[in-house]
Amino acid sequence: MVENNKIGLGSFRKNRTERPTSFNPENSAEEKRTMPNDTILEHPKKRLSSKDLPKSIRLPLDTHSAISTLASIQNKKIYEVVTDIVENYVKDLPPQSKKLVRNNVEAIKNTKI
């Protein structure tokens, strides 16, 4: 045997292989998922009449007053202001909840057609 001060397999190996050059992998393109459209609720092209608006909601008097004031400031109908408010609220929801809202709205649109 070869007498060497080294202990283990390193004492027997004469030709060591070189360590391969190391490199840092490139960051892959960040996957960003988006919803099909930014808006879930759409404003109709024409002003809707009461026969086109099938549901009514009950609101406290102060909330109704605030919504009607916003509508008069923006020169919109109350249902348009409510649509804007709901749209802004839905934008802040997590993606799972947003998808549920989108699916329900699309189901209603498909049944109307």
PDB file of N, CA and C in Angstrom:
ATOM      1  N   MET A   1       0.819  -1.190   0.000  1.00  0.00           N
ATOM      2  CA  MET A   1       0.000   0.000   0.000  1.00  0.00           C
ATOM      3  C   MET A   1       0.863   1.254   0.000  1.00  0.00           C
ATOM      4  N   VAL A   2       0.252   2.298  -0.469  1.00  0.00           N
ATOM      5  CA  VAL A   2       0.952   3.569  -0.524  1.00  0.00           C
ATOM      6  C   VAL A   2       0.867   4.200   0.844  1.00  0.00           C
ATOM      7  N   GLU A   3       1.983   4.596   1.301  1.00  0.00           N
ATOM      8  CA  GLU A   3       1.968   5.248   2.609  1.00  0.00           C
ATOM      9  C   GLU A   3       1.751   6.729   2.376  1.00  0.00           C
ATOM     10  N   ASN A   4       0.694   7.223   2.976  1.00  0.00           N
ATOM     11  CA  ASN A   4       0.352   8.622   2.800  1.00  0.00           C
ATOM     12  C   ASN A   4      -0.260   9.099   4.107  1.00  0.00           C
ATOM     13  N   ASN A   5      -0.113  10.351   4.351  1.00  0.00           N
ATOM     14  CA  ASN A   5      -0.690  10.900   5.582  1.00  0.00           C
ATOM     15  C   ASN A   5      -2.193  11.109   5.460  1.00  0.00           C
ATOM     16  N   LYS A   6      -2.703  11.042   4.225  1.00  0.00           N
ATOM     17  CA  LYS A   6      -4.138  11.245   4.023  1.00  0.00           C
ATOM     18  C   LYS A   6      -4.894   9.992   4.385  1.00  0.00           C
ATOM     19  N   ILE A   7      -6.063  10.187   4.899  1.00  0.00           N
ATOM     20  CA  ILE A   7      -6.898   9.064   5.293  1.00  0.00           C
ATOM     21  C   ILE A   7      -8.065   8.962   4.325  1.00  0.00           C
ATOM     22  N   GLY A   8      -8.507   7.740   4.019  1.00  0.00           N
ATOM     23  CA  GLY A   8      -9.671   7.526   3.183  1.00  0.00           C
ATOM     24  C   GLY A   8      -9.310   7.322   1.741  1.00  0.00           C
ATOM     25  N   LEU A   9     -10.327   7.425   0.858  1.00  0.00           N
ATOM     26  CA  LEU A   9     -10.117   7.169  -0.569  1.00  0.00           C
ATOM     27  C   LEU A   9      -9.227   8.204  -1.222  1.00  0.00           C
ATOM     28  N   GLY A  10      -9.190   9.382  -0.678  1.00  0.00           N
ATOM     29  CA  GLY A  10      -8.354  10.435  -1.245  1.00  0.00           C
ATOM     30  C   GLY A  10      -6.893  10.074  -1.254  1.00  0.00           C
ATOM     31  N   SER A  11      -6.479   9.195  -0.378  1.00  0.00           N
ATOM     32  CA  SER A  11      -5.079   8.810  -0.332  1.00  0.00           C
ATOM     33  C   SER A  11      -4.703   7.924  -1.506  1.00  0.00           C
ATOM     34  N   PHE A  12      -5.640   7.178  -2.105  1.00  0.00           N
ATOM     35  CA  PHE A  12      -5.366   6.278  -3.215  1.00  0.00           C
ATOM     36  C   PHE A  12      -5.491   6.961  -4.571  1.00  0.00           C
ATOM     37  N   ARG A  13      -6.290   8.012  -4.679  1.00  0.00           N
ATOM     38  CA  ARG A  13      -6.563   8.636  -5.969  1.00  0.00           C
ATOM     39  C   ARG A  13      -5.430   9.565  -6.359  1.00  0.00           C
ATOM     40  N   LYS A  14      -4.960   9.350  -7.568  1.00  0.00           N
ATOM     41  CA  LYS A  14      -3.869  10.200  -8.043  1.00  0.00           C
ATOM     42  C   LYS A  14      -4.408  11.337  -8.898  1.00  0.00           C
ATOM     43  N   ASN A  15      -5.288  11.005  -9.827  1.00  0.00           N
ATOM     44  CA  ASN A  15      -5.846  12.015 -10.729  1.00  0.00           C
ATOM     45  C   ASN A  15      -7.269  12.345 -10.277  1.00  0.00           C
ATOM     46  N   ARG A  16      -7.413  13.489  -9.758  1.00  0.00           N
ATOM     47  CA  ARG A  16      -8.752  13.921  -9.341  1.00  0.00           C
ATOM     48  C   ARG A  16      -9.440  14.638 -10.488  1.00  0.00           C
ATOM     49  N   THR A  17     -10.732  14.398 -10.625  1.00  0.00           N
ATOM     50  CA  THR A  17     -11.479  15.131 -11.643  1.00  0.00           C
ATOM     51  C   THR A  17     -11.765  16.526 -11.120  1.00  0.00           C
ATOM     52  N   GLU A  18     -11.773  17.438 -12.044  1.00  0.00           N
ATOM     53  CA  GLU A  18     -12.022  18.817 -11.636  1.00  0.00           C
ATOM     54  C   GLU A  18     -13.511  19.028 -11.414  1.00  0.00           C
ATOM     55  N   ARG A  19     -13.787  19.894 -10.524  1.00  0.00           N
ATOM     56  CA  ARG A  19     -15.181  20.256 -10.249  1.00  0.00           C
ATOM     57  C   ARG A  19     -15.738  21.003 -11.455  1.00  0.00           C
ATOM     58  N   PRO A  20     -16.939  20.651 -11.885  1.00  0.00           N
ATOM     59  CA  PRO A  20     -17.503  21.371 -13.034  1.00  0.00           C
ATOM     60  C   PRO A  20     -17.754  22.830 -12.675  1.00  0.00           C
ATOM     61  N   THR A  21     -17.674  23.669 -13.685  1.00  0.00           N
ATOM     62  CA  THR A  21     -17.898  25.086 -13.436  1.00  0.00           C
ATOM     63  C   THR A  21     -19.346  25.288 -13.013  1.00  0.00           C
ATOM     64  N   SER A  22     -19.523  26.054 -12.010  1.00  0.00           N
ATOM     65  CA  SER A  22     -20.882  26.300 -11.523  1.00  0.00           C
ATOM     66  C   SER A  22     -21.439  27.553 -12.175  1.00  0.00           C
ATOM     67  N   PHE A  23     -22.717  27.540 -12.381  1.00  0.00           N
ATOM     68  CA  PHE A  23     -23.385  28.707 -12.943  1.00  0.00           C
ATOM     69  C   PHE A  23     -24.737  28.841 -12.275  1.00  0.00           C
ATOM     70  N   ASN A  24     -25.171  30.047 -12.207  1.00  0.00           N
ATOM     71  CA  ASN A  24     -26.479  30.324 -11.621  1.00  0.00           C
ATOM     72  C   ASN A  24     -27.533  30.245 -12.725  1.00  0.00           C
ATOM     73  N   PRO A  25     -28.604  29.490 -12.498  1.00  0.00           N
ATOM     74  CA  PRO A  25     -29.642  29.400 -13.536  1.00  0.00           C
ATOM     75  C   PRO A  25     -30.361  30.728 -13.695  1.00  0.00           C
ATOM     76  N   GLU A  26     -30.780  30.962 -14.905  1.00  0.00           N
ATOM     77  CA  GLU A  26     -31.533  32.191 -15.163  1.00  0.00           C
ATOM     78  C   GLU A  26     -32.918  32.063 -14.562  1.00  0.00           C
ATOM     79  N   ASN A  27     -33.434  33.187 -14.130  1.00  0.00           N
ATOM     80  CA  ASN A  27     -34.806  33.176 -13.622  1.00  0.00           C
ATOM     81  C   ASN A  27     -35.749  32.952 -14.797  1.00  0.00           C
ATOM     82  N   SER A  28     -36.617  31.995 -14.636  1.00  0.00           N
ATOM     83  CA  SER A  28     -37.588  31.744 -15.700  1.00  0.00           C
ATOM     84  C   SER A  28     -38.584  32.893 -15.737  1.00  0.00           C
ATOM     85  N   ALA A  29     -39.246  33.014 -16.836  1.00  0.00           N
ATOM     86  CA  ALA A  29     -40.234  34.079 -16.973  1.00  0.00           C
ATOM     87  C   ALA A  29     -41.294  33.901 -15.898  1.00  0.00           C
ATOM     88  N   GLU A  30     -41.595  34.974 -15.225  1.00  0.00           N
ATOM     89  CA  GLU A  30     -42.560  34.909 -14.139  1.00  0.00           C
ATOM     90  C   GLU A  30     -43.951  34.685 -14.715  1.00  0.00           C
ATOM     91  N   GLU A  31     -44.598  33.673 -14.209  1.00  0.00           N
ATOM     92  CA  GLU A  31     -45.930  33.355 -14.718  1.00  0.00           C
ATOM     93  C   GLU A  31     -46.935  34.250 -14.029  1.00  0.00           C
ATOM     94  N   LYS A  32     -47.648  34.995 -14.817  1.00  0.00           N
ATOM     95  CA  LYS A  32     -48.647  35.894 -14.265  1.00  0.00           C
ATOM     96  C   LYS A  32     -49.969  35.568 -14.928  1.00  0.00           C
ATOM     97  N   ARG A  33     -50.911  35.132 -14.123  1.00  0.00           N
ATOM     98  CA  ARG A  33     -52.216  34.766 -14.656  1.00  0.00           C
ATOM     99  C   ARG A  33     -53.133  35.974 -14.581  1.00  0.00           C
ATOM    100  N   THR A  34     -53.886  36.156 -15.607  1.00  0.00           N
ATOM    101  CA  THR A  34     -54.818  37.274 -15.637  1.00  0.00           C
ATOM    102  C   THR A  34     -56.213  36.752 -15.915  1.00  0.00           C
ATOM    103  N   MET A  35     -57.166  37.535 -15.524  1.00  0.00           N
ATOM    104  CA  MET A  35     -58.549  37.209 -15.815  1.00  0.00           C
ATOM    105  C   MET A  35     -58.812  37.560 -17.284  1.00  0.00           C
ATOM    106  N   PRO A  36     -59.788  36.934 -17.932  1.00  0.00           N
ATOM    107  CA  PRO A  36     -60.039  37.210 -19.346  1.00  0.00           C
ATOM    108  C   PRO A  36     -60.323  38.683 -19.628  1.00  0.00           C
ATOM    109  N   ASN A  37     -61.152  39.307 -18.834  1.00  0.00           N
ATOM    110  CA  ASN A  37     -61.435  40.740 -18.977  1.00  0.00           C
ATOM    111  C   ASN A  37     -61.221  41.400 -17.631  1.00  0.00           C
ATOM    112  N   ASP A  38     -60.926  42.687 -17.671  1.00  0.00           N
ATOM    113  CA  ASP A  38     -60.798  43.400 -16.404  1.00  0.00           C
ATOM    114  C   ASP A  38     -62.171  43.659 -15.791  1.00  0.00           C
ATOM    115  N   THR A  39     -63.152  43.863 -16.631  1.00  0.00           N
ATOM    116  CA  THR A  39     -64.479  44.177 -16.115  1.00  0.00           C
ATOM    117  C   THR A  39     -65.360  42.936 -16.179  1.00  0.00           C
ATOM    118  N   ILE A  40     -66.073  42.726 -15.102  1.00  0.00           N
ATOM    119  CA  ILE A  40     -67.004  41.599 -15.038  1.00  0.00           C
ATOM    120  C   ILE A  40     -68.402  42.081 -15.404  1.00  0.00           C
ATOM    121  N   LEU A  41     -68.778  43.201 -14.847  1.00  0.00           N
ATOM    122  CA  LEU A  41     -70.096  43.776 -15.131  1.00  0.00           C
ATOM    123  C   LEU A  41     -69.938  44.824 -16.229  1.00  0.00           C
ATOM    124  N   GLU A  42     -70.824  44.797 -17.160  1.00  0.00           N
ATOM    125  CA  GLU A  42     -70.736  45.738 -18.266  1.00  0.00           C
ATOM    126  C   GLU A  42     -71.886  46.731 -18.204  1.00  0.00           C
ATOM    127  N   HIS A  43     -71.564  47.967 -18.531  1.00  0.00           N
ATOM    128  CA  HIS A  43     -72.610  48.976 -18.617  1.00  0.00           C
ATOM    129  C   HIS A  43     -73.327  48.799 -19.948  1.00  0.00           C
ATOM    130  N   PRO A  44     -74.635  48.839 -19.917  1.00  0.00           N
ATOM    131  CA  PRO A  44     -75.368  48.719 -21.184  1.00  0.00           C
ATOM    132  C   PRO A  44     -75.146  49.961 -22.049  1.00  0.00           C
ATOM    133  N   LYS A  45     -75.321  49.780 -23.342  1.00  0.00           N
ATOM    134  CA  LYS A  45     -75.122  50.901 -24.277  1.00  0.00           C
ATOM    135  C   LYS A  45     -76.213  51.962 -24.136  1.00  0.00           C
ATOM    136  N   LYS A  46     -77.441  51.498 -23.863  1.00  0.00           N
ATOM    137  CA  LYS A  46     -78.558  52.437 -23.728  1.00  0.00           C
ATOM    138  C   LYS A  46     -79.006  52.486 -22.268  1.00  0.00           C
ATOM    139  N   ARG A  47     -79.701  53.525 -21.934  1.00  0.00           N
ATOM    140  CA  ARG A  47     -80.248  53.627 -20.581  1.00  0.00           C
ATOM    141  C   ARG A  47     -81.353  52.591 -20.416  1.00  0.00           C
ATOM    142  N   LEU A  48     -81.347  51.925 -19.282  1.00  0.00           N
ATOM    143  CA  LEU A  48     -82.327  50.879 -19.040  1.00  0.00           C
ATOM    144  C   LEU A  48     -83.583  51.456 -18.404  1.00  0.00           C
ATOM    145  N   SER A  49     -84.708  50.864 -18.745  1.00  0.00           N
ATOM    146  CA  SER A  49     -85.971  51.273 -18.121  1.00  0.00           C
ATOM    147  C   SER A  49     -86.269  50.303 -16.983  1.00  0.00           C
ATOM    148  N   SER A  50     -87.333  50.562 -16.268  1.00  0.00           N
ATOM    149  CA  SER A  50     -87.665  49.721 -15.116  1.00  0.00           C
ATOM    150  C   SER A  50     -88.009  48.291 -15.530  1.00  0.00           C
ATOM    151  N   LYS A  51     -88.529  48.108 -16.733  1.00  0.00           N
ATOM    152  CA  LYS A  51     -88.845  46.742 -17.177  1.00  0.00           C
ATOM    153  C   LYS A  51     -87.566  45.959 -17.485  1.00  0.00           C
ATOM    154  N   ASP A  52     -86.452  46.650 -17.780  1.00  0.00           N
ATOM    155  CA  ASP A  52     -85.174  45.988 -18.046  1.00  0.00           C
ATOM    156  C   ASP A  52     -84.421  45.654 -16.765  1.00  0.00           C
ATOM    157  N   LEU A  53     -84.864  46.195 -15.645  1.00  0.00           N
ATOM    158  CA  LEU A  53     -84.192  45.986 -14.367  1.00  0.00           C
ATOM    159  C   LEU A  53     -85.039  45.058 -13.517  1.00  0.00           C
ATOM    160  N   PRO A  54     -84.735  43.768 -13.509  1.00  0.00           N
ATOM    161  CA  PRO A  54     -85.631  42.793 -12.896  1.00  0.00           C
ATOM    162  C   PRO A  54     -85.628  42.774 -11.376  1.00  0.00           C
ATOM    163  N   LYS A  55     -84.564  43.185 -10.725  1.00  0.00           N
ATOM    164  CA  LYS A  55     -84.494  43.040  -9.270  1.00  0.00           C
ATOM    165  C   LYS A  55     -84.378  44.402  -8.606  1.00  0.00           C
ATOM    166  N   SER A  56     -84.869  44.438  -7.404  1.00  0.00           N
ATOM    167  CA  SER A  56     -84.676  45.637  -6.580  1.00  0.00           C
ATOM    168  C   SER A  56     -84.000  45.197  -5.289  1.00  0.00           C
ATOM    169  N   ILE A  57     -83.300  46.096  -4.680  1.00  0.00           N
ATOM    170  CA  ILE A  57     -82.637  45.779  -3.415  1.00  0.00           C
ATOM    171  C   ILE A  57     -83.117  46.760  -2.360  1.00  0.00           C
ATOM    172  N   ARG A  58     -83.137  46.311  -1.132  1.00  0.00           N
ATOM    173  CA  ARG A  58     -83.517  47.160  -0.014  1.00  0.00           C
ATOM    174  C   ARG A  58     -82.246  47.720   0.611  1.00  0.00           C
ATOM    175  N   LEU A  59     -82.214  49.018   0.775  1.00  0.00           N
ATOM    176  CA  LEU A  59     -81.048  49.679   1.353  1.00  0.00           C
ATOM    177  C   LEU A  59     -81.482  50.561   2.511  1.00  0.00           C
ATOM    178  N   PRO A  60     -80.589  50.747   3.470  1.00  0.00           N
ATOM    179  CA  PRO A  60     -80.883  51.757   4.488  1.00  0.00           C
ATOM    180  C   PRO A  60     -80.976  53.133   3.829  1.00  0.00           C
ATOM    181  N   LEU A  61     -81.687  54.013   4.452  1.00  0.00           N
ATOM    182  CA  LEU A  61     -81.933  55.336   3.874  1.00  0.00           C
ATOM    183  C   LEU A  61     -80.642  56.111   3.641  1.00  0.00           C
ATOM    184  N   ASP A  62     -79.686  56.016   4.577  1.00  0.00           N
ATOM    185  CA  ASP A  62     -78.437  56.770   4.405  1.00  0.00           C
ATOM    186  C   ASP A  62     -77.600  56.226   3.248  1.00  0.00           C
ATOM    187  N   THR A  63     -77.619  54.906   3.057  1.00  0.00           N
ATOM    188  CA  THR A  63     -76.884  54.315   1.932  1.00  0.00           C
ATOM    189  C   THR A  63     -77.520  54.714   0.609  1.00  0.00           C
ATOM    190  N   HIS A  64     -78.836  54.686   0.559  1.00  0.00           N
ATOM    191  CA  HIS A  64     -79.540  55.104  -0.658  1.00  0.00           C
ATOM    192  C   HIS A  64     -79.263  56.568  -0.959  1.00  0.00           C
ATOM    193  N   SER A  65     -79.241  57.378   0.066  1.00  0.00           N
ATOM    194  CA  SER A  65     -78.963  58.798  -0.117  1.00  0.00           C
ATOM    195  C   SER A  65     -77.548  59.005  -0.666  1.00  0.00           C
ATOM    196  N   ALA A  66     -76.576  58.259  -0.140  1.00  0.00           N
ATOM    197  CA  ALA A  66     -75.199  58.388  -0.608  1.00  0.00           C
ATOM    198  C   ALA A  66     -75.078  57.953  -2.071  1.00  0.00           C
ATOM    199  N   ILE A  67     -75.746  56.861  -2.413  1.00  0.00           N
ATOM    200  CA  ILE A  67     -75.677  56.372  -3.796  1.00  0.00           C
ATOM    201  C   ILE A  67     -76.363  57.339  -4.750  1.00  0.00           C
ATOM    202  N   SER A  68     -77.508  57.851  -4.357  1.00  0.00           N
ATOM    203  CA  SER A  68     -78.208  58.796  -5.244  1.00  0.00           C
ATOM    204  C   SER A  68     -77.432  60.106  -5.377  1.00  0.00           C
ATOM    205  N   THR A  69     -76.737  60.518  -4.316  1.00  0.00           N
ATOM    206  CA  THR A  69     -75.899  61.720  -4.401  1.00  0.00           C
ATOM    207  C   THR A  69     -74.731  61.480  -5.357  1.00  0.00           C
ATOM    208  N   LEU A  70     -74.096  60.310  -5.250  1.00  0.00           N
ATOM    209  CA  LEU A  70     -73.016  59.974  -6.177  1.00  0.00           C
ATOM    210  C   LEU A  70     -73.527  59.945  -7.613  1.00  0.00           C
ATOM    211  N   ALA A  71     -74.727  59.413  -7.809  1.00  0.00           N
ATOM    212  CA  ALA A  71     -75.299  59.350  -9.150  1.00  0.00           C
ATOM    213  C   ALA A  71     -75.537  60.748  -9.711  1.00  0.00           C
ATOM    214  N   SER A  72     -76.026  61.651  -8.883  1.00  0.00           N
ATOM    215  CA  SER A  72     -76.284  63.006  -9.384  1.00  0.00           C
ATOM    216  C   SER A  72     -74.975  63.766  -9.632  1.00  0.00           C
ATOM    217  N   ILE A  73     -73.962  63.514  -8.816  1.00  0.00           N
ATOM    218  CA  ILE A  73     -72.671  64.174  -9.038  1.00  0.00           C
ATOM    219  C   ILE A  73     -72.050  63.701 -10.350  1.00  0.00           C
ATOM    220  N   GLN A  74     -72.138  62.403 -10.621  1.00  0.00           N
ATOM    221  CA  GLN A  74     -71.521  61.836 -11.820  1.00  0.00           C
ATOM    222  C   GLN A  74     -72.441  61.860 -13.033  1.00  0.00           C
ATOM    223  N   ASN A  75     -73.640  62.373 -12.859  1.00  0.00           N
ATOM    224  CA  ASN A  75     -74.643  62.433 -13.922  1.00  0.00           C
ATOM    225  C   ASN A  75     -74.902  61.036 -14.498  1.00  0.00           C
ATOM    226  N   LYS A  76     -75.155  60.085 -13.606  1.00  0.00           N
ATOM    227  CA  LYS A  76     -75.445  58.707 -13.979  1.00  0.00           C
ATOM    228  C   LYS A  76     -76.733  58.274 -13.300  1.00  0.00           C
ATOM    229  N   LYS A  77     -77.246  57.161 -13.768  1.00  0.00           N
ATOM    230  CA  LYS A  77     -78.378  56.535 -13.098  1.00  0.00           C
ATOM    231  C   LYS A  77     -77.860  55.783 -11.873  1.00  0.00           C
ATOM    232  N   ILE A  78     -78.758  55.519 -10.936  1.00  0.00           N
ATOM    233  CA  ILE A  78     -78.365  54.839  -9.701  1.00  0.00           C
ATOM    234  C   ILE A  78     -77.808  53.448 -10.004  1.00  0.00           C
ATOM    235  N   TYR A  79     -78.421  52.713 -10.944  1.00  0.00           N
ATOM    236  CA  TYR A  79     -77.925  51.366 -11.225  1.00  0.00           C
ATOM    237  C   TYR A  79     -76.518  51.394 -11.819  1.00  0.00           C
ATOM    238  N   GLU A  80     -76.171  52.479 -12.533  1.00  0.00           N
ATOM    239  CA  GLU A  80     -74.809  52.591 -13.066  1.00  0.00           C
ATOM    240  C   GLU A  80     -73.796  52.811 -11.952  1.00  0.00           C
ATOM    241  N   VAL A  81     -74.175  53.593 -10.955  1.00  0.00           N
ATOM    242  CA  VAL A  81     -73.278  53.830  -9.816  1.00  0.00           C
ATOM    243  C   VAL A  81     -73.106  52.544  -9.010  1.00  0.00           C
ATOM    244  N   VAL A  82     -74.202  51.824  -8.809  1.00  0.00           N
ATOM    245  CA  VAL A  82     -74.110  50.555  -8.076  1.00  0.00           C
ATOM    246  C   VAL A  82     -73.230  49.571  -8.839  1.00  0.00           C
ATOM    247  N   THR A  83     -73.344  49.538 -10.157  1.00  0.00           N
ATOM    248  CA  THR A  83     -72.494  48.675 -10.974  1.00  0.00           C
ATOM    249  C   THR A  83     -71.023  49.048 -10.803  1.00  0.00           C
ATOM    250  N   ASP A  84     -70.717  50.331 -10.801  1.00  0.00           N
ATOM    251  CA  ASP A  84     -69.332  50.774 -10.588  1.00  0.00           C
ATOM    252  C   ASP A  84     -68.817  50.356  -9.217  1.00  0.00           C
ATOM    253  N   ILE A  85     -69.661  50.514  -8.205  1.00  0.00           N
ATOM    254  CA  ILE A  85     -69.257  50.154  -6.839  1.00  0.00           C
ATOM    255  C   ILE A  85     -68.979  48.655  -6.742  1.00  0.00           C
ATOM    256  N   VAL A  86     -69.870  47.850  -7.311  1.00  0.00           N
ATOM    257  CA  VAL A  86     -69.694  46.399  -7.268  1.00  0.00           C
ATOM    258  C   VAL A  86     -68.449  45.990  -8.057  1.00  0.00           C
ATOM    259  N   GLU A  87     -68.229  46.614  -9.198  1.00  0.00           N
ATOM    260  CA  GLU A  87     -67.054  46.300 -10.016  1.00  0.00           C
ATOM    261  C   GLU A  87     -65.760  46.596  -9.252  1.00  0.00           C
ATOM    262  N   ASN A  88     -65.712  47.730  -8.567  1.00  0.00           N
ATOM    263  CA  ASN A  88     -64.521  48.055  -7.775  1.00  0.00           C
ATOM    264  C   ASN A  88     -64.333  47.089  -6.616  1.00  0.00           C
ATOM    265  N   TYR A  89     -65.419  46.652  -6.032  1.00  0.00           N
ATOM    266  CA  TYR A  89     -65.340  45.688  -4.936  1.00  0.00           C
ATOM    267  C   TYR A  89     -64.827  44.337  -5.434  1.00  0.00           C
ATOM    268  N   VAL A  90     -65.320  43.909  -6.593  1.00  0.00           N
ATOM    269  CA  VAL A  90     -64.923  42.614  -7.141  1.00  0.00           C
ATOM    270  C   VAL A  90     -63.442  42.625  -7.536  1.00  0.00           C
ATOM    271  N   LYS A  91     -62.924  43.761  -7.994  1.00  0.00           N
ATOM    272  CA  LYS A  91     -61.510  43.854  -8.364  1.00  0.00           C
ATOM    273  C   LYS A  91     -60.599  43.529  -7.189  1.00  0.00           C
ATOM    274  N   ASP A  92     -61.028  43.848  -5.972  1.00  0.00           N
ATOM    275  CA  ASP A  92     -60.199  43.626  -4.792  1.00  0.00           C
ATOM    276  C   ASP A  92     -60.353  42.235  -4.193  1.00  0.00           C
ATOM    277  N   LEU A  93     -61.222  41.416  -4.744  1.00  0.00           N
ATOM    278  CA  LEU A  93     -61.424  40.065  -4.223  1.00  0.00           C
ATOM    279  C   LEU A  93     -60.267  39.155  -4.626  1.00  0.00           C
ATOM    280  N   PRO A  94     -60.046  38.082  -3.861  1.00  0.00           N
ATOM    281  CA  PRO A  94     -59.040  37.093  -4.290  1.00  0.00           C
ATOM    282  C   PRO A  94     -59.497  36.404  -5.585  1.00  0.00           C
ATOM    283  N   PRO A  95     -58.547  35.845  -6.331  1.00  0.00           N
ATOM    284  CA  PRO A  95     -58.899  35.264  -7.644  1.00  0.00           C
ATOM    285  C   PRO A  95     -59.984  34.192  -7.593  1.00  0.00           C
ATOM    286  N   GLN A  96     -60.026  33.385  -6.529  1.00  0.00           N
ATOM    287  CA  GLN A  96     -61.041  32.327  -6.467  1.00  0.00           C
ATOM    288  C   GLN A  96     -62.439  32.939  -6.380  1.00  0.00           C
ATOM    289  N   SER A  97     -62.588  33.951  -5.528  1.00  0.00           N
ATOM    290  CA  SER A  97     -63.893  34.601  -5.383  1.00  0.00           C
ATOM    291  C   SER A  97     -64.271  35.354  -6.644  1.00  0.00           C
ATOM    292  N   LYS A  98     -63.278  35.981  -7.259  1.00  0.00           N
ATOM    293  CA  LYS A  98     -63.535  36.717  -8.492  1.00  0.00           C
ATOM    294  C   LYS A  98     -64.026  35.767  -9.584  1.00  0.00           C
ATOM    295  N   LYS A  99     -63.452  34.572  -9.625  1.00  0.00           N
ATOM    296  CA  LYS A  99     -63.859  33.591 -10.626  1.00  0.00           C
ATOM    297  C   LYS A  99     -65.294  33.138 -10.385  1.00  0.00           C
ATOM    298  N   LEU A 100     -65.683  32.954  -9.121  1.00  0.00           N
ATOM    299  CA  LEU A 100     -67.067  32.582  -8.812  1.00  0.00           C
ATOM    300  C   LEU A 100     -68.045  33.654  -9.270  1.00  0.00           C
ATOM    301  N   VAL A 101     -67.708  34.912  -8.995  1.00  0.00           N
ATOM    302  CA  VAL A 101     -68.580  36.015  -9.409  1.00  0.00           C
ATOM    303  C   VAL A 101     -68.683  36.044 -10.923  1.00  0.00           C
ATOM    304  N   ARG A 102     -67.533  35.910 -11.603  1.00  0.00           N
ATOM    305  CA  ARG A 102     -67.533  35.938 -13.064  1.00  0.00           C
ATOM    306  C   ARG A 102     -68.390  34.808 -13.646  1.00  0.00           C
ATOM    307  N   ASN A 103     -68.250  33.609 -13.088  1.00  0.00           N
ATOM    308  CA  ASN A 103     -69.028  32.479 -13.595  1.00  0.00           C
ATOM    309  C   ASN A 103     -70.524  32.685 -13.402  1.00  0.00           C
ATOM    310  N   ASN A 104     -70.932  33.227 -12.250  1.00  0.00           N
ATOM    311  CA  ASN A 104     -72.351  33.482 -12.006  1.00  0.00           C
ATOM    312  C   ASN A 104     -72.900  34.558 -12.939  1.00  0.00           C
ATOM    313  N   VAL A 105     -72.123  35.608 -13.158  1.00  0.00           N
ATOM    314  CA  VAL A 105     -72.577  36.688 -14.039  1.00  0.00           C
ATOM    315  C   VAL A 105     -72.686  36.170 -15.473  1.00  0.00           C
ATOM    316  N   GLU A 106     -71.714  35.375 -15.911  1.00  0.00           N
ATOM    317  CA  GLU A 106     -71.768  34.839 -17.277  1.00  0.00           C
ATOM    318  C   GLU A 106     -72.924  33.854 -17.439  1.00  0.00           C
ATOM    319  N   ALA A 107     -73.232  33.093 -16.390  1.00  0.00           N
ATOM    320  CA  ALA A 107     -74.370  32.175 -16.461  1.00  0.00           C
ATOM    321  C   ALA A 107     -75.670  32.944 -16.638  1.00  0.00           C
ATOM    322  N   ILE A 108     -75.817  34.057 -15.927  1.00  0.00           N
ATOM    323  CA  ILE A 108     -77.021  34.890 -16.065  1.00  0.00           C
ATOM    324  C   ILE A 108     -77.098  35.491 -17.464  1.00  0.00           C
ATOM    325  N   LYS A 109     -75.968  35.968 -17.972  1.00  0.00           N
ATOM    326  CA  LYS A 109     -75.958  36.547 -19.320  1.00  0.00           C
ATOM    327  C   LYS A 109     -76.340  35.504 -20.368  1.00  0.00           C
ATOM    328  N   ASN A 110     -75.863  34.270 -20.191  1.00  0.00           N
ATOM    329  CA  ASN A 110     -76.170  33.217 -21.168  1.00  0.00           C
ATOM    330  C   ASN A 110     -77.640  32.790 -21.122  1.00  0.00           C
ATOM    331  N   THR A 111     -78.280  32.872 -19.968  1.00  0.00           N
ATOM    332  CA  THR A 111     -79.693  32.497 -19.889  1.00  0.00           C
ATOM    333  C   THR A 111     -80.584  33.583 -20.478  1.00  0.00           C
ATOM    334  N   LYS A 112     -80.124  34.836 -20.462  1.00  0.00           N
ATOM    335  CA  LYS A 112     -80.913  35.927 -21.019  1.00  0.00           C
ATOM    336  C   LYS A 112     -80.921  35.895 -22.533  1.00  0.00           C
ATOM    337  N   ILE A 113     -79.888  35.356 -23.122  1.00  0.00           N
ATOM    338  CA  ILE A 113     -79.755  35.383 -24.589  1.00  0.00           C
ATOM    339  C   ILE A 113     -80.650  34.391 -25.247  1.00  0.00           C
TER     340      ILE A 113
END
